[in-house]
Amino acid sequence: MDVKEPRQFELEVTVAGTILWLVALIVLAVFFRHDLHRHHTEWWYGACGAGITFGFYGMYRAIKRRNNN
């Protein structure tokens, strides 16, 4: 059995995490918009946006690292 280095999966994991943040943002915006506004917790949109932004940065770094090897 071939054991792979954890770095081999870093791009796939980063893409999956970014997609999950995007799904969370869509769900919040579509289904919980009024609840978030009523409870003054619109900062969740920003948290999702930060997760997506850091995910794109992580994908950039993972691709750069993969191309250097």
N, C-alpha and C. Protein backbone atom coordinates (compact mmCIF):
# COMPACT_ATOMS: atom_id res chain seq x y z
N MET A 1 0.84 -1.19 0.00
CA MET A 1 0.00 0.00 0.00
C MET A 1 0.88 1.24 0.00
N ASP A 2 0.58 2.16 -0.89
CA ASP A 2 1.37 3.37 -1.03
C ASP A 2 0.80 4.46 -0.12
N VAL A 3 1.62 4.92 0.81
CA VAL A 3 1.22 5.99 1.71
C VAL A 3 1.63 7.32 1.09
N LYS A 4 0.67 8.24 0.97
CA LYS A 4 0.94 9.52 0.33
C LYS A 4 1.26 10.58 1.37
N GLU A 5 2.04 11.51 0.93
CA GLU A 5 2.37 12.64 1.79
C GLU A 5 1.12 13.50 2.01
N PRO A 6 0.96 14.06 3.20
CA PRO A 6 -0.20 14.94 3.44
C PRO A 6 -0.25 16.14 2.50
N ARG A 7 0.90 16.61 2.04
CA ARG A 7 0.92 17.76 1.14
C ARG A 7 0.29 17.46 -0.21
N GLN A 8 0.23 16.19 -0.58
CA GLN A 8 -0.37 15.85 -1.86
C GLN A 8 -1.85 16.19 -1.90
N PHE A 9 -2.49 16.20 -0.76
CA PHE A 9 -3.93 16.45 -0.69
C PHE A 9 -4.26 17.87 -0.29
N GLU A 10 -3.26 18.71 -0.14
CA GLU A 10 -3.53 20.04 0.39
C GLU A 10 -4.40 20.87 -0.55
N LEU A 11 -4.23 20.75 -1.85
CA LEU A 11 -5.07 21.50 -2.79
C LEU A 11 -6.51 21.00 -2.74
N GLU A 12 -6.70 19.70 -2.73
CA GLU A 12 -8.06 19.13 -2.70
C GLU A 12 -8.80 19.52 -1.42
N VAL A 13 -8.10 19.49 -0.30
CA VAL A 13 -8.72 19.85 0.97
C VAL A 13 -9.06 21.33 0.99
N THR A 14 -8.18 22.16 0.46
CA THR A 14 -8.43 23.60 0.41
C THR A 14 -9.62 23.92 -0.49
N VAL A 15 -9.71 23.26 -1.62
CA VAL A 15 -10.86 23.47 -2.51
C VAL A 15 -12.16 23.05 -1.82
N ALA A 16 -12.14 21.91 -1.15
CA ALA A 16 -13.34 21.43 -0.46
C ALA A 16 -13.76 22.40 0.64
N GLY A 17 -12.80 22.91 1.40
CA GLY A 17 -13.12 23.87 2.46
C GLY A 17 -13.69 25.16 1.91
N THR A 18 -13.13 25.64 0.81
CA THR A 18 -13.63 26.86 0.19
C THR A 18 -15.05 26.68 -0.33
N ILE A 19 -15.31 25.53 -0.91
CA ILE A 19 -16.67 25.23 -1.39
C ILE A 19 -17.65 25.18 -0.22
N LEU A 20 -17.23 24.61 0.90
CA LEU A 20 -18.11 24.57 2.08
C LEU A 20 -18.42 25.97 2.59
N TRP A 21 -17.43 26.87 2.61
CA TRP A 21 -17.69 28.25 3.02
C TRP A 21 -18.65 28.93 2.05
N LEU A 22 -18.50 28.65 0.76
CA LEU A 22 -19.40 29.23 -0.23
C LEU A 22 -20.83 28.72 -0.04
N VAL A 23 -20.98 27.43 0.22
CA VAL A 23 -22.30 26.86 0.47
C VAL A 23 -22.91 27.48 1.73
N ALA A 24 -22.09 27.65 2.77
CA ALA A 24 -22.59 28.27 4.00
C ALA A 24 -23.07 29.69 3.73
N LEU A 25 -22.34 30.45 2.93
CA LEU A 25 -22.75 31.81 2.61
C LEU A 25 -24.07 31.83 1.85
N ILE A 26 -24.22 30.93 0.89
CA ILE A 26 -25.46 30.86 0.12
C ILE A 26 -26.63 30.47 1.01
N VAL A 27 -26.44 29.48 1.86
CA VAL A 27 -27.52 29.05 2.76
C VAL A 27 -27.92 30.17 3.70
N LEU A 28 -26.94 30.86 4.26
CA LEU A 28 -27.26 31.98 5.15
C LEU A 28 -28.01 33.08 4.41
N ALA A 29 -27.55 33.41 3.21
CA ALA A 29 -28.17 34.50 2.45
C ALA A 29 -29.57 34.15 1.98
N VAL A 30 -29.82 32.90 1.68
CA VAL A 30 -31.12 32.51 1.13
C VAL A 30 -32.13 32.18 2.23
N PHE A 31 -31.71 31.37 3.19
CA PHE A 31 -32.66 30.85 4.17
C PHE A 31 -32.68 31.59 5.51
N PHE A 32 -31.58 32.22 5.90
CA PHE A 32 -31.50 32.81 7.23
C PHE A 32 -31.28 34.32 7.22
N ARG A 33 -31.51 34.95 6.07
CA ARG A 33 -31.27 36.38 5.94
C ARG A 33 -32.05 37.18 6.97
N HIS A 34 -33.33 36.90 7.12
CA HIS A 34 -34.18 37.67 8.04
C HIS A 34 -33.81 37.39 9.49
N ASP A 35 -33.48 36.15 9.81
CA ASP A 35 -33.09 35.83 11.18
C ASP A 35 -31.78 36.53 11.55
N LEU A 36 -30.83 36.53 10.63
CA LEU A 36 -29.57 37.21 10.92
C LEU A 36 -29.78 38.70 11.11
N HIS A 37 -30.63 39.29 10.30
CA HIS A 37 -30.91 40.72 10.44
C HIS A 37 -31.64 41.01 11.76
N ARG A 38 -32.59 40.18 12.09
CA ARG A 38 -33.37 40.39 13.31
C ARG A 38 -32.51 40.30 14.56
N HIS A 39 -31.52 39.42 14.56
CA HIS A 39 -30.66 39.21 15.73
C HIS A 39 -29.35 39.98 15.64
N HIS A 40 -29.22 40.85 14.63
CA HIS A 40 -28.03 41.67 14.43
C HIS A 40 -26.76 40.82 14.36
N THR A 41 -26.82 39.76 13.58
CA THR A 41 -25.66 38.88 13.42
C THR A 41 -25.27 38.74 11.95
N GLU A 42 -25.32 39.87 11.25
CA GLU A 42 -24.93 39.84 9.85
C GLU A 42 -23.44 39.60 9.66
N TRP A 43 -22.67 39.63 10.75
CA TRP A 43 -21.24 39.38 10.66
C TRP A 43 -20.93 37.97 10.16
N TRP A 44 -21.92 37.09 10.20
CA TRP A 44 -21.70 35.75 9.65
C TRP A 44 -21.38 35.81 8.16
N TYR A 45 -21.94 36.78 7.45
CA TYR A 45 -21.60 36.94 6.04
C TYR A 45 -20.11 37.24 5.88
N GLY A 46 -19.61 38.09 6.75
CA GLY A 46 -18.19 38.43 6.72
C GLY A 46 -17.31 37.24 7.07
N ALA A 47 -17.78 36.41 8.01
CA ALA A 47 -17.01 35.22 8.36
C ALA A 47 -16.93 34.27 7.18
N CYS A 48 -18.03 34.11 6.47
CA CYS A 48 -18.03 33.26 5.28
C CYS A 48 -17.14 33.87 4.19
N GLY A 49 -17.22 35.17 4.04
CA GLY A 49 -16.37 35.84 3.05
C GLY A 49 -14.89 35.69 3.38
N ALA A 50 -14.55 35.77 4.65
CA ALA A 50 -13.16 35.57 5.05
C ALA A 50 -12.72 34.14 4.78
N GLY A 51 -13.59 33.18 5.06
CA GLY A 51 -13.26 31.78 4.77
C GLY A 51 -13.03 31.54 3.30
N ILE A 52 -13.84 32.16 2.45
CA ILE A 52 -13.68 32.03 1.00
C ILE A 52 -12.39 32.71 0.55
N THR A 53 -12.12 33.90 1.08
CA THR A 53 -10.91 34.63 0.71
C THR A 53 -9.66 33.85 1.10
N PHE A 54 -9.61 33.36 2.33
CA PHE A 54 -8.45 32.58 2.77
C PHE A 54 -8.36 31.26 2.01
N GLY A 55 -9.51 30.73 1.60
CA GLY A 55 -9.49 29.52 0.79
C GLY A 55 -8.85 29.75 -0.56
N PHE A 56 -9.18 30.88 -1.20
CA PHE A 56 -8.55 31.19 -2.48
C PHE A 56 -7.04 31.41 -2.32
N TYR A 57 -6.67 32.07 -1.23
CA TYR A 57 -5.24 32.25 -0.97
C TYR A 57 -4.56 30.90 -0.73
N GLY A 58 -5.22 30.02 0.01
CA GLY A 58 -4.67 28.69 0.23
C GLY A 58 -4.54 27.89 -1.05
N MET A 59 -5.51 28.03 -1.95
CA MET A 59 -5.41 27.35 -3.25
C MET A 59 -4.22 27.90 -4.05
N TYR A 60 -4.04 29.21 -4.02
CA TYR A 60 -2.90 29.82 -4.71
C TYR A 60 -1.59 29.25 -4.16
N ARG A 61 -1.47 29.19 -2.85
CA ARG A 61 -0.23 28.68 -2.23
C ARG A 61 -0.04 27.19 -2.53
N ALA A 62 -1.12 26.41 -2.49
CA ALA A 62 -1.00 24.98 -2.76
C ALA A 62 -0.59 24.72 -4.21
N ILE A 63 -1.15 25.48 -5.13
CA ILE A 63 -0.78 25.32 -6.54
C ILE A 63 0.67 25.74 -6.75
N LYS A 64 1.07 26.83 -6.13
CA LYS A 64 2.44 27.29 -6.25
C LYS A 64 3.42 26.25 -5.68
N ARG A 65 3.08 25.68 -4.53
CA ARG A 65 3.93 24.67 -3.92
C ARG A 65 3.98 23.40 -4.78
N ARG A 66 2.82 23.01 -5.32
CA ARG A 66 2.77 21.82 -6.17
C ARG A 66 3.61 22.00 -7.43
N ASN A 67 3.59 23.19 -8.01
CA ASN A 67 4.36 23.45 -9.23
C ASN A 67 5.86 23.50 -8.97
N ASN A 68 6.26 23.84 -7.74
CA ASN A 68 7.69 23.89 -7.41
C ASN A 68 8.29 22.51 -7.19
N ASN A 69 7.47 21.50 -6.95
CA ASN A 69 7.99 20.15 -6.70
C ASN A 69 8.08 19.35 -7.95
